Amino acid sequence: MQLSFLPKINRRATQRRVEEALKTARIYRQIGFVRREIEMTPAYEARYHGATNKTSDQVAEFATWNVDEEERVRRLTVRVERAVKRLPKRQRQIIEKRYLEDEDVFDYIVCTELGMSESTYGRQKAKAVY
């Protein structure tokens, strides 16, 4: 009898996170990183409030966020591309056509393009995602 030390995975949560990572990678590959910009809206009314002794530098906060987030997204994209390259040919084709190409397409279209039955497509996609 073999003992398994691997915990059971939550398939829905795993699929949601994998699809989210693939979507992020596709967007980054297509248009690059979308930076946050500061919105300056002048307020003509005096604001009276107590001293909080907190200094805020909105420009620095946005600049730091932009740099950190762009690096995080770039690393995620590299990891996704490496993981997809390691998949077997059919699974790699499914993931690339379904999630990483220019347009978001439906499963039945990818299934038809690859000449697979729906059941085979479903099994191969599940193996690729999990």
C-alpha atoms as a PDB file:
ATOM      1  CA  MET A   1       0.000   0.000   0.000  1.00  0.00           C
ATOM      2  CA  GLN A   2       1.377   3.384  -1.017  1.00  0.00           C
ATOM      3  CA  LEU A   3       0.773   6.420   1.133  1.00  0.00           C
ATOM      4  CA  SER A   4       0.205   9.725  -0.560  1.00  0.00           C
ATOM      5  CA  PHE A   5       1.513  12.802   1.180  1.00  0.00           C
ATOM      6  CA  LEU A   6       0.147  15.176  -1.429  1.00  0.00           C
ATOM      7  CA  PRO A   7      -2.990  17.008  -0.346  1.00  0.00           C
ATOM      8  CA  LYS A   8      -6.132  16.953  -2.462  1.00  0.00           C
ATOM      9  CA  ILE A   9      -6.363  19.971  -4.705  1.00  0.00           C
ATOM     10  CA  ASN A  10      -9.370  22.185  -5.140  1.00  0.00           C
ATOM     11  CA  ARG A  11      -9.922  21.815  -8.883  1.00  0.00           C
ATOM     12  CA  ARG A  12     -12.084  24.920  -9.299  1.00  0.00           C
ATOM     13  CA  ALA A  13      -9.683  27.163  -7.404  1.00  0.00           C
ATOM     14  CA  THR A  14      -6.729  25.702  -9.300  1.00  0.00           C
ATOM     15  CA  GLN A  15      -8.437  26.210 -12.654  1.00  0.00           C
ATOM     16  CA  ARG A  16      -9.403  29.777 -11.743  1.00  0.00           C
ATOM     17  CA  ARG A  17      -5.820  30.666 -10.709  1.00  0.00           C
ATOM     18  CA  VAL A  18      -4.244  28.986 -13.749  1.00  0.00           C
ATOM     19  CA  GLU A  19      -6.653  30.724 -16.139  1.00  0.00           C
ATOM     20  CA  GLU A  20      -6.012  34.041 -14.389  1.00  0.00           C
ATOM     21  CA  ALA A  21      -2.231  33.582 -14.797  1.00  0.00           C
ATOM     22  CA  LEU A  22      -2.661  32.641 -18.465  1.00  0.00           C
ATOM     23  CA  LYS A  23      -4.873  35.683 -19.074  1.00  0.00           C
ATOM     24  CA  THR A  24      -2.337  37.968 -17.385  1.00  0.00           C
ATOM     25  CA  ALA A  25       0.454  36.487 -19.512  1.00  0.00           C
ATOM     26  CA  ARG A  26      -1.577  36.972 -22.711  1.00  0.00           C
ATOM     27  CA  ILE A  27      -2.314  40.619 -21.910  1.00  0.00           C
ATOM     28  CA  TYR A  28       1.332  41.289 -21.014  1.00  0.00           C
ATOM     29  CA  ARG A  29       2.510  39.668 -24.264  1.00  0.00           C
ATOM     30  CA  GLN A  30       0.006  41.665 -26.337  1.00  0.00           C
ATOM     31  CA  ILE A  31       0.152  45.171 -24.903  1.00  0.00           C
ATOM     32  CA  GLY A  32       2.788  45.143 -22.200  1.00  0.00           C
ATOM     33  CA  PHE A  33       2.263  46.459 -18.715  1.00  0.00           C
ATOM     34  CA  VAL A  34      -0.471  49.008 -18.058  1.00  0.00           C
ATOM     35  CA  ARG A  35       0.879  51.574 -15.630  1.00  0.00           C
ATOM     36  CA  ARG A  36      -1.135  53.410 -13.041  1.00  0.00           C
ATOM     37  CA  GLU A  37      -1.180  57.160 -13.366  1.00  0.00           C
ATOM     38  CA  ILE A  38      -1.839  59.841 -10.813  1.00  0.00           C
ATOM     39  CA  GLU A  39      -5.062  61.765 -11.086  1.00  0.00           C
ATOM     40  CA  MET A  40      -4.692  65.329  -9.963  1.00  0.00           C
ATOM     41  CA  THR A  41      -8.009  66.908  -9.132  1.00  0.00           C
ATOM     42  CA  PRO A  42      -7.743  70.320  -7.546  1.00  0.00           C
ATOM     43  CA  ALA A  43      -9.809  70.865  -4.453  1.00  0.00           C
ATOM     44  CA  TYR A  44     -10.806  74.469  -3.928  1.00  0.00           C
ATOM     45  CA  GLU A  45     -12.130  73.923  -0.436  1.00  0.00           C
ATOM     46  CA  ALA A  46      -9.956  73.964   2.623  1.00  0.00           C
ATOM     47  CA  ARG A  47      -9.671  70.585   4.317  1.00  0.00           C
ATOM     48  CA  TYR A  48      -9.567  70.705   8.072  1.00  0.00           C
ATOM     49  CA  HIS A  49      -8.565  67.597   9.894  1.00  0.00           C
ATOM     50  CA  GLY A  50      -6.397  66.611  12.806  1.00  0.00           C
ATOM     51  CA  ALA A  51      -2.708  65.975  12.497  1.00  0.00           C
ATOM     52  CA  THR A  52      -1.969  62.363  11.667  1.00  0.00           C
ATOM     53  CA  ASN A  53       1.810  62.798  11.478  1.00  0.00           C
ATOM     54  CA  LYS A  54       1.734  60.750   8.313  1.00  0.00           C
ATOM     55  CA  THR A  55       3.410  62.022   5.200  1.00  0.00           C
ATOM     56  CA  SER A  56       2.121  60.808   1.892  1.00  0.00           C
ATOM     57  CA  ASP A  57       3.934  60.899  -1.405  1.00  0.00           C
ATOM     58  CA  GLN A  58       1.454  59.724  -4.000  1.00  0.00           C
ATOM     59  CA  VAL A  59       3.940  60.018  -6.862  1.00  0.00           C
ATOM     60  CA  ALA A  60       6.472  57.776  -5.106  1.00  0.00           C
ATOM     61  CA  GLU A  61       3.782  55.249  -4.151  1.00  0.00           C
ATOM     62  CA  PHE A  62       2.571  54.957  -7.752  1.00  0.00           C
ATOM     63  CA  ALA A  63       6.117  54.803  -9.125  1.00  0.00           C
ATOM     64  CA  THR A  64       7.038  52.036  -6.690  1.00  0.00           C
ATOM     65  CA  TRP A  65       3.839  50.125  -7.444  1.00  0.00           C
ATOM     66  CA  ASN A  66       4.414  50.413 -11.206  1.00  0.00           C
ATOM     67  CA  VAL A  67       7.972  49.080 -10.984  1.00  0.00           C
ATOM     68  CA  ASP A  68       7.135  46.260  -8.570  1.00  0.00           C
ATOM     69  CA  GLU A  69       3.973  45.187 -10.377  1.00  0.00           C
ATOM     70  CA  GLU A  70       5.618  45.258 -13.806  1.00  0.00           C
ATOM     71  CA  GLU A  71       8.422  43.011 -12.531  1.00  0.00           C
ATOM     72  CA  ARG A  72       5.895  40.647 -10.926  1.00  0.00           C
ATOM     73  CA  VAL A  73       3.880  40.390 -14.159  1.00  0.00           C
ATOM     74  CA  ARG A  74       7.038  39.901 -16.242  1.00  0.00           C
ATOM     75  CA  ARG A  75       8.214  37.073 -13.972  1.00  0.00           C
ATOM     76  CA  LEU A  76       4.757  35.493 -14.037  1.00  0.00           C
ATOM     77  CA  THR A  77       4.740  35.615 -17.840  1.00  0.00           C
ATOM     78  CA  VAL A  78       8.178  33.981 -18.040  1.00  0.00           C
ATOM     79  CA  ARG A  79       7.073  31.228 -15.633  1.00  0.00           C
ATOM     80  CA  VAL A  80       3.870  30.627 -17.615  1.00  0.00           C
ATOM     81  CA  GLU A  81       5.765  30.423 -20.914  1.00  0.00           C
ATOM     82  CA  ARG A  82       8.298  27.978 -19.442  1.00  0.00           C
ATOM     83  CA  ALA A  83       5.530  25.808 -17.997  1.00  0.00           C
ATOM     84  CA  VAL A  84       3.643  25.747 -21.306  1.00  0.00           C
ATOM     85  CA  LYS A  85       6.810  24.811 -23.223  1.00  0.00           C
ATOM     86  CA  ARG A  86       7.273  21.788 -20.958  1.00  0.00           C
ATOM     87  CA  LEU A  87       3.833  20.376 -21.775  1.00  0.00           C
ATOM     88  CA  PRO A  88       3.364  17.602 -24.338  1.00  0.00           C
ATOM     89  CA  LYS A  89       2.619  18.836 -27.872  1.00  0.00           C
ATOM     90  CA  ARG A  90      -1.198  18.435 -27.844  1.00  0.00           C
ATOM     91  CA  GLN A  91      -1.605  19.996 -24.406  1.00  0.00           C
ATOM     92  CA  ARG A  92       0.700  22.865 -25.379  1.00  0.00           C
ATOM     93  CA  GLN A  93      -1.362  23.494 -28.533  1.00  0.00           C
ATOM     94  CA  ILE A  94      -4.570  23.570 -26.493  1.00  0.00           C
ATOM     95  CA  ILE A  95      -3.209  26.049 -23.945  1.00  0.00           C
ATOM     96  CA  GLU A  96      -1.614  28.298 -26.571  1.00  0.00           C
ATOM     97  CA  LYS A  97      -4.696  28.426 -28.810  1.00  0.00           C
ATOM     98  CA  ARG A  98      -7.206  28.730 -25.976  1.00  0.00           C
ATOM     99  CA  TYR A  99      -5.438  31.156 -23.654  1.00  0.00           C
ATOM    100  CA  LEU A 100      -2.284  32.703 -25.132  1.00  0.00           C
ATOM    101  CA  GLU A 101      -3.171  33.721 -28.686  1.00  0.00           C
ATOM    102  CA  ASP A 102      -4.428  37.156 -29.656  1.00  0.00           C
ATOM    103  CA  GLU A 103      -8.145  36.548 -29.242  1.00  0.00           C
ATOM    104  CA  ASP A 104     -10.080  34.840 -26.490  1.00  0.00           C
ATOM    105  CA  VAL A 105     -11.711  31.845 -28.180  1.00  0.00           C
ATOM    106  CA  PHE A 106     -14.155  29.224 -27.005  1.00  0.00           C
ATOM    107  CA  ASP A 107     -13.296  25.613 -26.260  1.00  0.00           C
ATOM    108  CA  TYR A 108     -15.400  24.209 -29.095  1.00  0.00           C
ATOM    109  CA  ILE A 109     -13.542  26.353 -31.644  1.00  0.00           C
ATOM    110  CA  VAL A 110     -10.127  25.192 -30.417  1.00  0.00           C
ATOM    111  CA  CYS A 111     -11.405  21.620 -30.339  1.00  0.00           C
ATOM    112  CA  THR A 112     -12.475  21.877 -33.992  1.00  0.00           C
ATOM    113  CA  GLU A 113      -9.255  23.597 -35.109  1.00  0.00           C
ATOM    114  CA  LEU A 114      -7.129  20.855 -33.558  1.00  0.00           C
ATOM    115  CA  GLY A 115      -9.333  18.080 -34.963  1.00  0.00           C
ATOM    116  CA  MET A 116     -10.085  16.553 -31.571  1.00  0.00           C
ATOM    117  CA  SER A 117     -13.274  15.160 -30.132  1.00  0.00           C
ATOM    118  CA  GLU A 118     -14.756  17.108 -27.235  1.00  0.00           C
ATOM    119  CA  SER A 119     -14.030  14.343 -24.745  1.00  0.00           C
ATOM    120  CA  THR A 120     -10.374  14.042 -25.813  1.00  0.00           C
ATOM    121  CA  TYR A 121     -10.051  17.824 -25.751  1.00  0.00           C
ATOM    122  CA  GLY A 122     -11.529  17.966 -22.247  1.00  0.00           C
ATOM    123  CA  ARG A 123      -9.165  15.282 -20.937  1.00  0.00           C
ATOM    124  CA  GLN A 124      -6.092  16.877 -22.504  1.00  0.00           C
ATOM    125  CA  LYS A 125      -7.037  20.342 -21.270  1.00  0.00           C
ATOM    126  CA  ALA A 126      -7.609  19.014 -17.743  1.00  0.00           C
ATOM    127  CA  LYS A 127      -4.195  17.324 -17.769  1.00  0.00           C
ATOM    128  CA  ALA A 128      -2.568  20.540 -18.954  1.00  0.00           C
ATOM    129  CA  VAL A 129      -4.256  22.707 -16.327  1.00  0.00           C
ATOM    130  CA  TYR A 130      -3.894  20.389 -13.342  1.00  0.00           C
END
